[in-house]
Each structure stands twice: as C-alpha cells, then as structure tokens.
Amino acid sequence: MTAIIERCEAKGLRMTGQRRVVAQVIGASKDHPHVEELYARASKIDPKISLATVYRTVKTFEAEGILEKLEFGDGRARYEDAERAHHDHLIDVESGQVIEFSDPDLEALQVKIAARLGYELIGHRLELLAIPIKQR
C-alpha cells in the first residue's frame, strides 16, 4: 500500500479501485505530471478509468491536502505529493523541464531574510525561471 493511499484512508476518504490507481500513479511519479499525463499513466493500469475520474480524484486529493498543485507558467496545473521532502524548482522556460533542487545555504538565507524583516519563516515556495547557458 502506498503512503498516499494510507493518508487518504486516514482522512476517511473512500478509496475506490480507480482512486487507488491514481494514488499509485502519483506516488510513483518522479516528475510533476498534469492531469492528462496522470490519466495516460493510470489508463495503462486500468483501461476503464476516465479522464473525468482522474480530474475528480486529483481535485479531491488536493482539497484534502494529499496533493500539492503547482503552476509553472505553462498554463497547466501540475501535481506532486504534498508530503514529499522540501525542495525548490528550476524551470527551463525553453524546454519546460522542471528540475528539483535543495540547497542548505539558500534555506538558511531565506530564514535570515525573514528574521531581518521581523518575521519567522514558516514555509516557502521557490521557482527559478531560467534558460540554458549556451556552450561556445
């Protein structure tokens, strides 16, 4: 059983077979899939699953705090497990590739900046928009 399914059950969500498939697909994702990508992956496991079911399931999981909705400026909402280890994102605006990274120095700097401004940092989301440096 995946961690996502366990968290859904702990929240009292009814876990149908198709919801389990969507949870399984999200749990196995190493990227940030949009609903159509989730549907394509889920339909390989359960050919009877519909796009509408995937949309409804994602909305339910998001509302319950199971999934986090991400928007990288490409007009499509993307999703990841809300309980993944903290990380930031660098988005290649030419290819759309999303690179996850974490940097302890950057994390410390953000805490320091918040404190300097009179705040305690309780969370953040960082997205760097970038283009590749051309090799000469």
C-alpha atoms as a PDB file:
ATOM      1  CA  MET A   1       0.000   0.000   0.000  1.00  0.00           C
ATOM      2  CA  THR A   2       1.368   3.419  -0.886  1.00  0.00           C
ATOM      3  CA  ALA A   3       1.808   6.286   1.550  1.00  0.00           C
ATOM      4  CA  ILE A   4      -0.739   8.327  -0.420  1.00  0.00           C
ATOM      5  CA  ILE A   5      -3.378   5.603  -0.068  1.00  0.00           C
ATOM      6  CA  GLU A   6      -2.644   5.334   3.657  1.00  0.00           C
ATOM      7  CA  ARG A   7      -3.029   9.105   4.114  1.00  0.00           C
ATOM      8  CA  CYS A   8      -6.289   9.081   2.134  1.00  0.00           C
ATOM      9  CA  GLU A   9      -7.679   6.290   4.298  1.00  0.00           C
ATOM     10  CA  ALA A  10      -6.532   8.083   7.466  1.00  0.00           C
ATOM     11  CA  LYS A  11      -8.557  11.112   6.318  1.00  0.00           C
ATOM     12  CA  GLY A  12     -11.604   8.901   5.837  1.00  0.00           C
ATOM     13  CA  LEU A  13     -11.678   9.078   2.037  1.00  0.00           C
ATOM     14  CA  ARG A  14     -13.463   6.210   0.315  1.00  0.00           C
ATOM     15  CA  MET A  15     -10.754   4.538  -1.754  1.00  0.00           C
ATOM     16  CA  THR A  16     -12.276   3.003  -4.848  1.00  0.00           C
ATOM     17  CA  GLY A  17     -10.151   0.903  -7.155  1.00  0.00           C
ATOM     18  CA  GLN A  18      -9.757   3.821  -9.546  1.00  0.00           C
ATOM     19  CA  ARG A  19      -8.761   6.227  -6.768  1.00  0.00           C
ATOM     20  CA  ARG A  20      -6.156   3.681  -5.716  1.00  0.00           C
ATOM     21  CA  VAL A  21      -4.805   3.611  -9.269  1.00  0.00           C
ATOM     22  CA  VAL A  22      -4.499   7.421  -9.354  1.00  0.00           C
ATOM     23  CA  ALA A  23      -2.808   7.390  -5.930  1.00  0.00           C
ATOM     24  CA  GLN A  24      -0.419   4.676  -7.127  1.00  0.00           C
ATOM     25  CA  VAL A  25       0.473   6.655 -10.266  1.00  0.00           C
ATOM     26  CA  ILE A  26       1.089   9.860  -8.314  1.00  0.00           C
ATOM     27  CA  GLY A  27       3.148   8.013  -5.715  1.00  0.00           C
ATOM     28  CA  ALA A  28       5.349   6.521  -8.435  1.00  0.00           C
ATOM     29  CA  SER A  29       5.828   9.825 -10.284  1.00  0.00           C
ATOM     30  CA  LYS A  30       9.294  11.337 -10.200  1.00  0.00           C
ATOM     31  CA  ASP A  31       8.137  14.358 -12.190  1.00  0.00           C
ATOM     32  CA  HIS A  32       5.307  16.879 -11.892  1.00  0.00           C
ATOM     33  CA  PRO A  33       2.541  15.436 -14.073  1.00  0.00           C
ATOM     34  CA  HIS A  34      -0.545  17.344 -15.200  1.00  0.00           C
ATOM     35  CA  VAL A  35      -3.920  15.605 -15.175  1.00  0.00           C
ATOM     36  CA  GLU A  36      -3.681  14.402 -18.773  1.00  0.00           C
ATOM     37  CA  GLU A  37      -0.312  12.752 -18.008  1.00  0.00           C
ATOM     38  CA  LEU A  38      -1.776  11.149 -14.890  1.00  0.00           C
ATOM     39  CA  TYR A  39      -4.681   9.884 -16.975  1.00  0.00           C
ATOM     40  CA  ALA A  40      -2.362   8.385 -19.605  1.00  0.00           C
ATOM     41  CA  ARG A  41      -0.379   6.563 -16.915  1.00  0.00           C
ATOM     42  CA  ALA A  42      -3.474   5.453 -14.991  1.00  0.00           C
ATOM     43  CA  SER A  43      -5.212   4.134 -18.108  1.00  0.00           C
ATOM     44  CA  LYS A  44      -2.269   1.775 -18.693  1.00  0.00           C
ATOM     45  CA  ILE A  45      -3.086   0.194 -15.326  1.00  0.00           C
ATOM     46  CA  ASP A  46      -6.879   0.443 -15.625  1.00  0.00           C
ATOM     47  CA  PRO A  47      -8.085   0.932 -19.207  1.00  0.00           C
ATOM     48  CA  LYS A  48     -11.616   1.659 -17.924  1.00  0.00           C
ATOM     49  CA  ILE A  49     -10.598   4.763 -15.948  1.00  0.00           C
ATOM     50  CA  SER A  50     -11.905   8.030 -17.405  1.00  0.00           C
ATOM     51  CA  LEU A  51     -10.273  11.424 -17.662  1.00  0.00           C
ATOM     52  CA  ALA A  52     -13.177  12.837 -15.618  1.00  0.00           C
ATOM     53  CA  THR A  53     -12.448  10.360 -12.811  1.00  0.00           C
ATOM     54  CA  VAL A  54      -8.799  11.402 -12.754  1.00  0.00           C
ATOM     55  CA  TYR A  55      -9.805  15.102 -12.644  1.00  0.00           C
ATOM     56  CA  ARG A  56     -12.251  14.484  -9.765  1.00  0.00           C
ATOM     57  CA  THR A  57      -9.747  12.366  -7.860  1.00  0.00           C
ATOM     58  CA  VAL A  58      -6.984  14.963  -8.195  1.00  0.00           C
ATOM     59  CA  LYS A  59      -9.369  17.717  -7.006  1.00  0.00           C
ATOM     60  CA  THR A  60     -10.378  15.602  -4.004  1.00  0.00           C
ATOM     61  CA  PHE A  61      -6.775  14.754  -3.126  1.00  0.00           C
ATOM     62  CA  GLU A  62      -5.777  18.410  -3.448  1.00  0.00           C
ATOM     63  CA  ALA A  63      -8.680  19.571  -1.252  1.00  0.00           C
ATOM     64  CA  GLU A  64      -7.656  17.046   1.413  1.00  0.00           C
ATOM     65  CA  GLY A  65      -4.012  18.177   1.379  1.00  0.00           C
ATOM     66  CA  ILE A  66      -2.764  14.922  -0.149  1.00  0.00           C
ATOM     67  CA  LEU A  67      -1.527  16.614  -3.333  1.00  0.00           C
ATOM     68  CA  GLU A  68       0.044  19.971  -3.927  1.00  0.00           C
ATOM     69  CA  LYS A  69      -0.931  21.909  -7.032  1.00  0.00           C
ATOM     70  CA  LEU A  70       1.960  23.572  -8.860  1.00  0.00           C
ATOM     71  CA  GLU A  71       1.790  26.108 -11.655  1.00  0.00           C
ATOM     72  CA  PHE A  72       4.951  26.645 -13.666  1.00  0.00           C
ATOM     73  CA  GLY A  73       3.597  29.207 -16.141  1.00  0.00           C
ATOM     74  CA  ASP A  74       2.786  26.781 -18.942  1.00  0.00           C
ATOM     75  CA  GLY A  75      -0.967  27.023 -18.403  1.00  0.00           C
ATOM     76  CA  ARG A  76      -1.299  23.547 -16.888  1.00  0.00           C
ATOM     77  CA  ALA A  77      -1.658  22.712 -13.234  1.00  0.00           C
ATOM     78  CA  ARG A  78       0.838  20.070 -12.202  1.00  0.00           C
ATOM     79  CA  TYR A  79       0.774  17.929  -9.097  1.00  0.00           C
ATOM     80  CA  GLU A  80       3.069  16.282  -6.596  1.00  0.00           C
ATOM     81  CA  ASP A  81       2.702  14.500  -3.285  1.00  0.00           C
ATOM     82  CA  ALA A  82       2.175  17.199  -0.650  1.00  0.00           C
ATOM     83  CA  GLU A  83       4.385  15.299   1.800  1.00  0.00           C
ATOM     84  CA  ARG A  84       7.478  14.958  -0.380  1.00  0.00           C
ATOM     85  CA  ALA A  85      10.671  16.240   1.165  1.00  0.00           C
ATOM     86  CA  HIS A  86      11.030  20.001   0.777  1.00  0.00           C
ATOM     87  CA  HIS A  87      12.623  21.122  -2.462  1.00  0.00           C
ATOM     88  CA  ASP A  88      12.609  24.071  -4.829  1.00  0.00           C
ATOM     89  CA  HIS A  89      12.209  24.143  -8.605  1.00  0.00           C
ATOM     90  CA  LEU A  90      14.240  25.469 -11.510  1.00  0.00           C
ATOM     91  CA  ILE A  91      12.146  25.689 -14.674  1.00  0.00           C
ATOM     92  CA  ASP A  92      13.825  25.653 -18.076  1.00  0.00           C
ATOM     93  CA  VAL A  93      11.499  28.039 -19.917  1.00  0.00           C
ATOM     94  CA  GLU A  94      12.700  26.821 -23.321  1.00  0.00           C
ATOM     95  CA  SER A  95      12.031  23.110 -22.818  1.00  0.00           C
ATOM     96  CA  GLY A  96       9.599  23.168 -19.900  1.00  0.00           C
ATOM     97  CA  GLN A  97      11.842  20.793 -17.944  1.00  0.00           C
ATOM     98  CA  VAL A  98      11.442  21.146 -14.175  1.00  0.00           C
ATOM     99  CA  ILE A  99      14.496  20.407 -12.060  1.00  0.00           C
ATOM    100  CA  GLU A 100      14.087  19.839  -8.336  1.00  0.00           C
ATOM    101  CA  PHE A 101      16.859  21.033  -6.061  1.00  0.00           C
ATOM    102  CA  SER A 102      17.580  21.902  -2.471  1.00  0.00           C
ATOM    103  CA  ASP A 103      20.372  23.989  -1.061  1.00  0.00           C
ATOM    104  CA  PRO A 104      21.006  24.338   2.680  1.00  0.00           C
ATOM    105  CA  ASP A 105      22.727  27.707   2.204  1.00  0.00           C
ATOM    106  CA  LEU A 106      19.686  29.055   0.353  1.00  0.00           C
ATOM    107  CA  GLU A 107      17.354  27.696   3.034  1.00  0.00           C
ATOM    108  CA  ALA A 108      19.391  29.419   5.761  1.00  0.00           C
ATOM    109  CA  LEU A 109      19.454  32.674   3.798  1.00  0.00           C
ATOM    110  CA  GLN A 110      15.663  32.700   3.481  1.00  0.00           C
ATOM    111  CA  VAL A 111      15.280  32.254   7.259  1.00  0.00           C
ATOM    112  CA  LYS A 112      17.792  35.044   7.810  1.00  0.00           C
ATOM    113  CA  ILE A 113      15.972  37.413   5.432  1.00  0.00           C
ATOM    114  CA  ALA A 114      12.613  36.751   7.095  1.00  0.00           C
ATOM    115  CA  ALA A 115      14.135  37.386  10.543  1.00  0.00           C
ATOM    116  CA  ARG A 116      15.786  40.589   9.359  1.00  0.00           C
ATOM    117  CA  LEU A 117      12.359  41.765   8.183  1.00  0.00           C
ATOM    118  CA  GLY A 118      10.834  40.826  11.553  1.00  0.00           C
ATOM    119  CA  TYR A 119       9.251  37.501  10.605  1.00  0.00           C
ATOM    120  CA  GLU A 120       9.607  33.825  11.384  1.00  0.00           C
ATOM    121  CA  LEU A 121       9.641  31.799   8.164  1.00  0.00           C
ATOM    122  CA  ILE A 122       7.071  29.007   8.308  1.00  0.00           C
ATOM    123  CA  GLY A 123       7.290  27.883   4.684  1.00  0.00           C
ATOM    124  CA  HIS A 124       8.121  28.983   1.202  1.00  0.00           C
ATOM    125  CA  ARG A 125       7.940  28.049  -2.439  1.00  0.00           C
ATOM    126  CA  LEU A 126      10.780  28.978  -4.763  1.00  0.00           C
ATOM    127  CA  GLU A 127      10.646  28.675  -8.526  1.00  0.00           C
ATOM    128  CA  LEU A 128      13.564  29.854 -10.613  1.00  0.00           C
ATOM    129  CA  LEU A 129      12.833  30.551 -14.277  1.00  0.00           C
ATOM    130  CA  ALA A 130      15.911  30.004 -16.419  1.00  0.00           C
ATOM    131  CA  ILE A 131      17.264  29.399 -19.887  1.00  0.00           C
ATOM    132  CA  PRO A 132      20.240  27.181 -20.619  1.00  0.00           C
ATOM    133  CA  ILE A 133      23.633  28.804 -20.883  1.00  0.00           C
ATOM    134  CA  LYS A 134      24.731  28.277 -24.468  1.00  0.00           C
ATOM    135  CA  GLN A 135      28.020  26.441 -24.884  1.00  0.00           C
ATOM    136  CA  ARG A 136      30.514  28.320 -27.057  1.00  0.00           C
END
